[in-house]
């Protein structure tokens, strides 16, 4: 049941931050039959379209990296979208995977599924042990429902579906949109544009005191490939019917938003003051994952945060240069 180089591997959301990292990693490891569709080619909220895709392509392994995601602002403005679209994507892909005999499925989630005031570091069994953070509750509930789908299919049909919970991700193909980006990408955008436009200060939402864990998407991709490549005994243990099928994959370190902003400002060459807007919400006080189960399988993240931030700043500078070109220069 483990993967071979010609295995048909479907990566839902292959153009996104996590999905594109999966593509890079799997191709680098020699996998030659990756199945990918853009949003325009396959609407994942359309059950019939998903079914046709599975009939045509017959994937053996499925990675669900597709999701509607965003930061506090986007979650607050579009709660219905975050709930409905993520539920539909999960239901359509998990049900189709069962109907077509997919051997292994990975559902990518987020540390925001855990209670707001969770003991730290957060262990997998803390799921549903307390109230969620209100600012991302619709997204979190949709992802929790996806985990429950995986567990229900494992219990009823002896499938092998596993949910992987990363912390805040960043890396190539990150979303730098000012309305929908997560905190690290949002701060990079603000800092780089402030430097380009000759402004000195960096404005940050909240008090700066919450702590967040960040991991490069390439490290998550390596963790997912290791899970898919693991022996039948190991994967069966992770997805046994009597156990909640979740495994955390994180960096094991966290940082305050204040220190994150200072690091980004320094790397972007911004020398002014960091101004905290305390009228804006902080979100969950702390989210640090306990990754002992994943580390016991031999996996370790490889990319340090400072180096990853420098790379992300370089990427955004290229995007910013394109954005600022006159229209006639882009043809």
Protein backbone atom coordinates (compact mmCIF):
# COMPACT_ATOMS: atom_id res chain seq x y z
CA UNK A 1 0.00 0.00 0.00
CA UNK A 2 2.98 2.35 0.24
CA UNK A 3 3.62 4.69 -2.68
CA UNK A 4 5.75 3.82 -5.70
CA UNK A 5 7.26 6.30 -8.15
CA UNK A 6 4.43 5.86 -10.66
CA UNK A 7 1.58 6.10 -8.13
CA UNK A 8 -1.33 8.30 -9.16
CA UNK A 9 -1.25 11.07 -6.56
CA UNK A 10 -3.94 13.74 -6.63
CA UNK A 11 -3.02 17.07 -5.01
CA UNK A 12 -6.13 19.19 -4.51
CA UNK A 13 -5.10 22.84 -4.32
CA UNK A 14 -1.75 22.36 -6.08
CA UNK A 15 -1.32 26.08 -6.79
CA UNK A 16 -1.66 27.19 -3.18
CA UNK A 17 0.98 27.58 -0.51
CA UNK A 18 0.81 24.03 0.86
CA UNK A 19 -0.22 22.31 -2.37
CA UNK A 20 2.58 23.80 -4.47
CA UNK A 21 5.07 22.69 -1.81
CA UNK A 22 3.69 19.15 -2.12
CA UNK A 23 4.23 19.28 -5.88
CA UNK A 24 7.84 20.47 -5.51
CA UNK A 25 8.62 17.86 -2.89
CA UNK A 26 7.01 14.90 -4.66
CA UNK A 27 8.59 15.77 -8.00
CA UNK A 28 11.95 16.16 -6.30
CA UNK A 29 11.52 12.69 -4.78
CA UNK A 30 10.90 11.16 -8.21
CA UNK A 31 7.11 10.80 -8.30
CA UNK A 32 6.07 11.11 -11.92
CA UNK A 33 2.26 10.77 -11.99
CA UNK A 34 0.94 13.79 -10.11
CA UNK A 35 -2.70 14.64 -10.81
CA UNK A 36 -3.53 18.35 -10.70
CA UNK A 37 -6.40 20.58 -11.72
CA UNK A 38 -6.78 24.33 -11.43
CA UNK A 39 -9.89 25.87 -9.92
CA UNK A 40 -11.04 26.72 -13.42
CA UNK A 41 -10.62 23.11 -14.53
CA UNK A 42 -12.28 21.49 -11.51
CA UNK A 43 -14.70 23.16 -9.08
CA UNK A 44 -14.23 21.17 -5.88
CA UNK A 45 -17.53 22.34 -4.38
CA UNK A 46 -19.31 20.66 -7.35
CA UNK A 47 -19.96 17.05 -6.37
CA UNK A 48 -20.66 15.86 -9.90
CA UNK A 49 -17.50 17.47 -11.26
CA UNK A 50 -15.40 15.83 -8.54
CA UNK A 51 -16.97 12.46 -9.32
CA UNK A 52 -16.15 12.81 -13.03
CA UNK A 53 -12.55 13.62 -12.17
CA UNK A 54 -12.21 10.53 -9.99
CA UNK A 55 -13.78 8.35 -12.69
CA UNK A 56 -11.38 9.70 -15.31
CA UNK A 57 -8.15 9.75 -13.28
CA UNK A 58 -8.64 7.03 -10.61
CA UNK A 59 -6.19 8.47 -8.03
CA UNK A 60 -4.54 6.06 -5.60
CA UNK A 61 -3.46 8.69 -3.08
CA UNK A 62 -5.15 12.00 -2.28
CA UNK A 63 -3.79 15.11 -0.55
CA UNK A 64 -6.46 17.69 0.31
CA UNK A 65 -4.54 20.95 0.39
CA UNK A 66 -7.42 22.89 -1.18
CA UNK A 67 -9.30 25.18 1.19
CA UNK A 68 -10.63 28.68 1.57
CA UNK A 69 -8.18 30.27 3.99
CA UNK A 70 -7.43 33.72 5.38
CA UNK A 71 -6.50 35.73 8.42
CA UNK A 72 -8.63 37.30 11.13
CA UNK A 73 -10.02 40.03 8.85
CA UNK A 74 -11.18 37.64 6.13
CA UNK A 75 -12.67 35.18 8.62
CA UNK A 76 -14.61 37.97 10.27
CA UNK A 77 -15.99 39.34 6.98
CA UNK A 78 -16.86 36.08 5.21
CA UNK A 79 -17.85 33.46 7.82
CA UNK A 80 -20.41 31.77 5.55
CA UNK A 81 -17.87 31.37 2.76
CA UNK A 82 -15.28 29.85 5.09
CA UNK A 83 -17.81 27.39 6.51
CA UNK A 84 -19.69 26.33 3.39
CA UNK A 85 -16.85 26.12 0.90
CA UNK A 86 -14.55 24.13 3.17
CA UNK A 87 -17.31 21.73 4.16
CA UNK A 88 -18.21 21.12 0.51
CA UNK A 89 -14.60 20.56 -0.56
CA UNK A 90 -13.97 18.06 2.23
CA UNK A 91 -17.20 16.16 1.77
CA UNK A 92 -16.88 15.85 -1.99
CA UNK A 93 -13.25 14.72 -1.95
CA UNK A 94 -13.51 12.33 1.00
CA UNK A 95 -16.67 10.67 -0.31
CA UNK A 96 -15.22 10.32 -3.81
CA UNK A 97 -12.02 8.87 -2.34
CA UNK A 98 -14.06 6.19 -0.60
CA UNK A 99 -16.16 5.38 -3.66
CA UNK A 100 -13.06 4.94 -5.79
CA UNK A 101 -10.89 3.01 -3.35
CA UNK A 102 -8.20 5.58 -2.60
CA UNK A 103 -5.46 3.86 -0.61
CA UNK A 104 -4.40 6.76 1.61
CA UNK A 105 -5.76 10.26 2.07
CA UNK A 106 -4.24 13.24 3.86
CA UNK A 107 -6.44 16.15 4.91
CA UNK A 108 -4.47 19.29 5.72
CA UNK A 109 -5.89 21.35 8.55
CA UNK A 110 -4.62 24.06 10.88
CA UNK A 111 -3.73 24.53 14.53
CA UNK A 112 -6.79 26.83 14.82
CA UNK A 113 -8.95 23.70 15.20
CA UNK A 114 -7.83 23.46 18.82
CA UNK A 115 -9.50 25.32 21.71
CA UNK A 116 -8.61 28.97 22.23
CA UNK A 117 -7.19 28.47 25.72
CA UNK A 118 -5.57 25.10 25.16
CA UNK A 119 -2.76 23.78 27.39
CA UNK A 120 0.60 24.31 25.67
CA UNK A 121 2.07 22.64 23.72
CA UNK A 122 -1.12 21.38 22.07
CA UNK A 123 -1.56 17.63 21.85
CA UNK A 124 -3.85 15.98 19.33
CA UNK A 125 -6.25 14.72 21.98
CA UNK A 126 -7.05 18.29 23.07
CA UNK A 127 -9.42 18.64 20.11
CA UNK A 128 -12.93 19.68 21.25
CA UNK A 129 -11.79 20.03 24.87
CA UNK A 130 -12.83 23.69 25.07
CA UNK A 131 -14.30 26.69 23.22
CA UNK A 132 -12.78 27.80 19.91
CA UNK A 133 -11.32 31.21 19.10
CA UNK A 134 -14.31 33.27 17.86
CA UNK A 135 -12.37 35.09 15.11
CA UNK A 136 -11.85 31.90 13.07
CA UNK A 137 -14.61 29.66 14.39
CA UNK A 138 -16.35 28.96 11.02
CA UNK A 139 -13.12 27.82 9.38
CA UNK A 140 -12.12 25.77 12.42
CA UNK A 141 -15.51 24.04 12.62
CA UNK A 142 -15.33 23.16 8.92
CA UNK A 143 -11.90 21.61 9.42
CA UNK A 144 -13.06 19.74 12.53
CA UNK A 145 -15.93 18.35 10.46
CA UNK A 146 -13.38 17.15 7.90
CA UNK A 147 -11.44 15.36 10.64
CA UNK A 148 -14.67 13.75 11.82
CA UNK A 149 -15.38 12.64 8.23
CA UNK A 150 -11.97 10.97 8.07
CA UNK A 151 -12.54 9.23 11.40
CA UNK A 152 -16.07 8.17 10.50
CA UNK A 153 -14.96 6.60 7.23
CA UNK A 154 -12.07 4.85 9.01
CA UNK A 155 -14.48 3.43 11.58
CA UNK A 156 -17.26 2.40 9.20
CA UNK A 157 -15.31 1.38 6.11
CA UNK A 158 -11.75 0.63 7.35
CA UNK A 159 -10.30 3.39 5.18
CA UNK A 160 -6.92 5.02 5.86
CA UNK A 161 -7.61 8.75 6.05
CA UNK A 162 -5.41 10.99 8.20
CA UNK A 163 -5.61 14.70 9.11
CA UNK A 164 -2.30 16.57 9.35
CA UNK A 165 -2.30 19.71 11.50
CA UNK A 166 0.40 22.29 10.74
CA UNK A 167 0.92 25.68 12.43
CA UNK A 168 0.96 28.96 10.48
CA UNK A 169 2.59 28.21 7.13
CA UNK A 170 4.61 30.48 4.86
CA UNK A 171 6.78 30.09 1.77
CA UNK A 172 6.61 30.26 -2.04
CA UNK A 173 3.15 31.01 -3.47
CA UNK A 174 2.01 32.56 -0.19
CA UNK A 175 -1.01 34.84 -0.27
CA UNK A 176 0.05 38.47 0.15
CA UNK A 177 -3.39 39.96 -0.45
CA UNK A 178 -3.98 42.72 2.16
CA UNK A 179 -7.55 41.53 2.82
CA UNK A 180 -7.08 37.76 3.10
CA UNK A 181 -3.45 37.01 4.01
CA UNK A 182 -2.19 35.49 7.23
CA UNK A 183 -0.07 37.45 9.68
CA UNK A 184 3.45 36.71 8.43
CA UNK A 185 2.65 37.46 4.78
CA UNK A 186 0.61 40.52 5.78
CA UNK A 187 3.51 41.95 7.78
CA UNK A 188 5.97 41.28 4.96
CA UNK A 189 3.73 43.16 2.54
CA UNK A 190 3.38 46.11 4.91
CA UNK A 191 7.10 46.28 5.69
CA UNK A 192 8.35 45.97 2.12
CA UNK A 193 5.86 48.51 0.74
CA UNK A 194 6.65 50.93 3.57
CA UNK A 195 10.36 50.66 2.70
CA UNK A 196 9.70 51.15 -1.02
CA UNK A 197 7.40 54.13 -0.43
CA UNK A 198 9.76 55.85 2.02
CA UNK A 199 7.63 55.33 5.12
CA UNK A 200 9.40 54.41 8.35
CA UNK A 201 6.76 52.86 10.62
CA UNK A 202 5.11 49.41 10.57
CA UNK A 203 1.49 49.11 11.72
CA UNK A 204 0.54 45.80 13.38
CA UNK A 205 -2.88 44.55 14.46
CA UNK A 206 -3.40 43.88 18.18
CA UNK A 207 -1.07 44.15 21.14
CA UNK A 208 1.84 42.13 19.77
CA UNK A 209 1.77 39.76 22.75
CA UNK A 210 0.17 36.62 21.21
CA UNK A 211 2.62 33.85 20.36
CA UNK A 212 2.49 31.98 17.06
CA UNK A 213 4.31 29.00 15.61
CA UNK A 214 5.47 29.25 12.00
CA UNK A 215 6.71 26.57 9.63
CA UNK A 216 7.89 26.69 6.04
CA UNK A 217 5.52 24.92 3.64
CA UNK A 218 8.39 22.83 2.29
CA UNK A 219 8.83 21.28 5.74
CA UNK A 220 5.14 20.37 5.82
CA UNK A 221 5.44 18.80 2.37
CA UNK A 222 8.33 16.63 3.55
CA UNK A 223 6.28 15.53 6.56
CA UNK A 224 3.32 14.60 4.35
CA UNK A 225 5.46 12.63 1.93
CA UNK A 226 7.00 10.73 4.84
CA UNK A 227 3.51 9.83 6.05
CA UNK A 228 2.40 8.65 2.62
CA UNK A 229 5.60 6.64 2.20
CA UNK A 230 5.41 5.07 5.66
CA UNK A 231 5.02 1.34 6.11
CA UNK A 232 1.59 -0.25 6.16
CA UNK A 233 1.91 -0.95 9.89
CA UNK A 234 2.78 2.66 10.71
CA UNK A 235 -0.02 4.18 8.63
CA UNK A 236 -2.52 1.62 9.93
CA UNK A 237 -1.61 2.61 13.48
CA UNK A 238 -2.15 6.29 12.68
CA UNK A 239 -5.56 5.59 11.14
CA UNK A 240 -6.86 2.76 13.32
CA UNK A 241 -10.65 3.01 13.76
CA UNK A 242 -10.58 3.49 17.52
CA UNK A 243 -8.29 6.55 17.41
CA UNK A 244 -8.84 10.12 16.27
CA UNK A 245 -6.83 10.33 13.01
CA UNK A 246 -4.84 13.51 13.66
CA UNK A 247 -1.12 14.13 13.70
CA UNK A 248 0.53 17.49 14.39
CA UNK A 249 3.44 18.66 12.23
CA UNK A 250 5.05 21.86 13.47
CA UNK A 251 8.37 23.59 14.04
CA UNK A 252 8.24 23.14 17.81
CA UNK A 253 9.02 26.83 18.45
CA UNK A 254 6.87 29.94 18.71
CA UNK A 255 7.45 33.68 18.68
CA UNK A 256 5.49 36.75 19.77
CA UNK A 257 3.88 38.85 17.08
CA UNK A 258 5.98 41.75 18.41
CA UNK A 259 9.23 39.84 17.80
CA UNK A 260 7.98 38.56 14.45
CA UNK A 261 7.22 42.13 13.33
CA UNK A 262 10.65 43.29 14.51
CA UNK A 263 12.37 40.48 12.58
CA UNK A 264 10.43 41.24 9.40
CA UNK A 265 11.09 44.99 9.71
CA UNK A 266 14.81 44.37 10.17
CA UNK A 267 15.05 41.96 7.23
CA UNK A 268 13.06 44.38 5.05
CA UNK A 269 15.37 47.27 5.96
CA UNK A 270 12.65 49.22 7.76
CA UNK A 271 14.11 51.25 10.62
CA UNK A 272 11.09 53.08 12.04
CA UNK A 273 8.75 52.36 14.92
CA UNK A 274 6.43 49.36 15.15
CA UNK A 275 2.96 50.66 16.04
CA UNK A 276 0.43 48.27 17.57
CA UNK A 277 -3.25 48.91 16.93
CA UNK A 278 -4.90 47.63 20.10
CA UNK A 279 -8.38 48.31 18.70
CA UNK A 280 -7.86 45.23 16.51
CA UNK A 281 -8.26 41.66 17.85
CA UNK A 282 -5.33 39.55 19.00
CA UNK A 283 -6.90 36.16 18.33
CA UNK A 284 -5.78 33.11 20.30
CA UNK A 285 -3.13 33.98 22.96
CA UNK A 286 -0.83 31.11 22.04
CA UNK A 287 -0.76 28.19 19.60
CA UNK A 288 2.22 25.86 19.91
CA UNK A 289 1.82 22.30 18.67
CA UNK A 290 3.12 19.21 20.40
CA UNK A 291 4.78 17.39 17.50
CA UNK A 292 6.20 14.45 19.43
CA UNK A 293 4.21 11.85 17.44
CA UNK A 294 5.53 13.14 14.12
CA UNK A 295 9.08 13.47 15.47
CA UNK A 296 8.91 9.90 16.78
CA UNK A 297 8.51 8.87 13.15
CA UNK A 298 11.88 10.50 12.40
CA UNK A 299 10.73 13.76 10.82
CA UNK A 300 12.32 17.11 11.67
CA UNK A 301 11.70 20.55 10.09
CA UNK A 302 14.77 21.88 8.28
CA UNK A 303 14.15 25.57 7.48
CA UNK A 304 14.87 28.14 10.18
CA UNK A 305 12.42 31.04 10.54
CA UNK A 306 14.93 33.85 9.90
CA UNK A 307 16.11 32.24 6.65
CA UNK A 308 12.55 31.54 5.60
CA UNK A 309 11.53 35.17 6.24
CA UNK A 310 14.43 36.44 4.13
CA UNK A 311 13.34 34.19 1.28
CA UNK A 312 9.68 35.27 1.62
CA UNK A 313 10.67 38.95 1.59
CA UNK A 314 12.70 38.38 -1.57
CA UNK A 315 9.70 36.72 -3.20
CA UNK A 316 7.35 39.55 -2.29
CA UNK A 317 9.80 42.18 -3.53
CA UNK A 318 9.61 40.54 -6.97
CA UNK A 319 5.81 40.54 -6.81
CA UNK A 320 5.74 44.16 -5.64
CA UNK A 321 7.98 45.20 -8.53
CA UNK A 322 5.56 43.59 -10.99
CA UNK A 323 2.55 45.19 -9.30
CA UNK A 324 4.13 48.64 -9.55
CA UNK A 325 5.06 48.38 -13.22
CA UNK A 326 2.88 50.38 -15.62
CA UNK A 327 0.45 48.19 -17.56
CA UNK A 328 2.33 48.63 -20.86
CA UNK A 329 5.52 47.26 -19.25
CA UNK A 330 3.91 43.93 -18.35
CA UNK A 331 3.13 42.82 -21.89
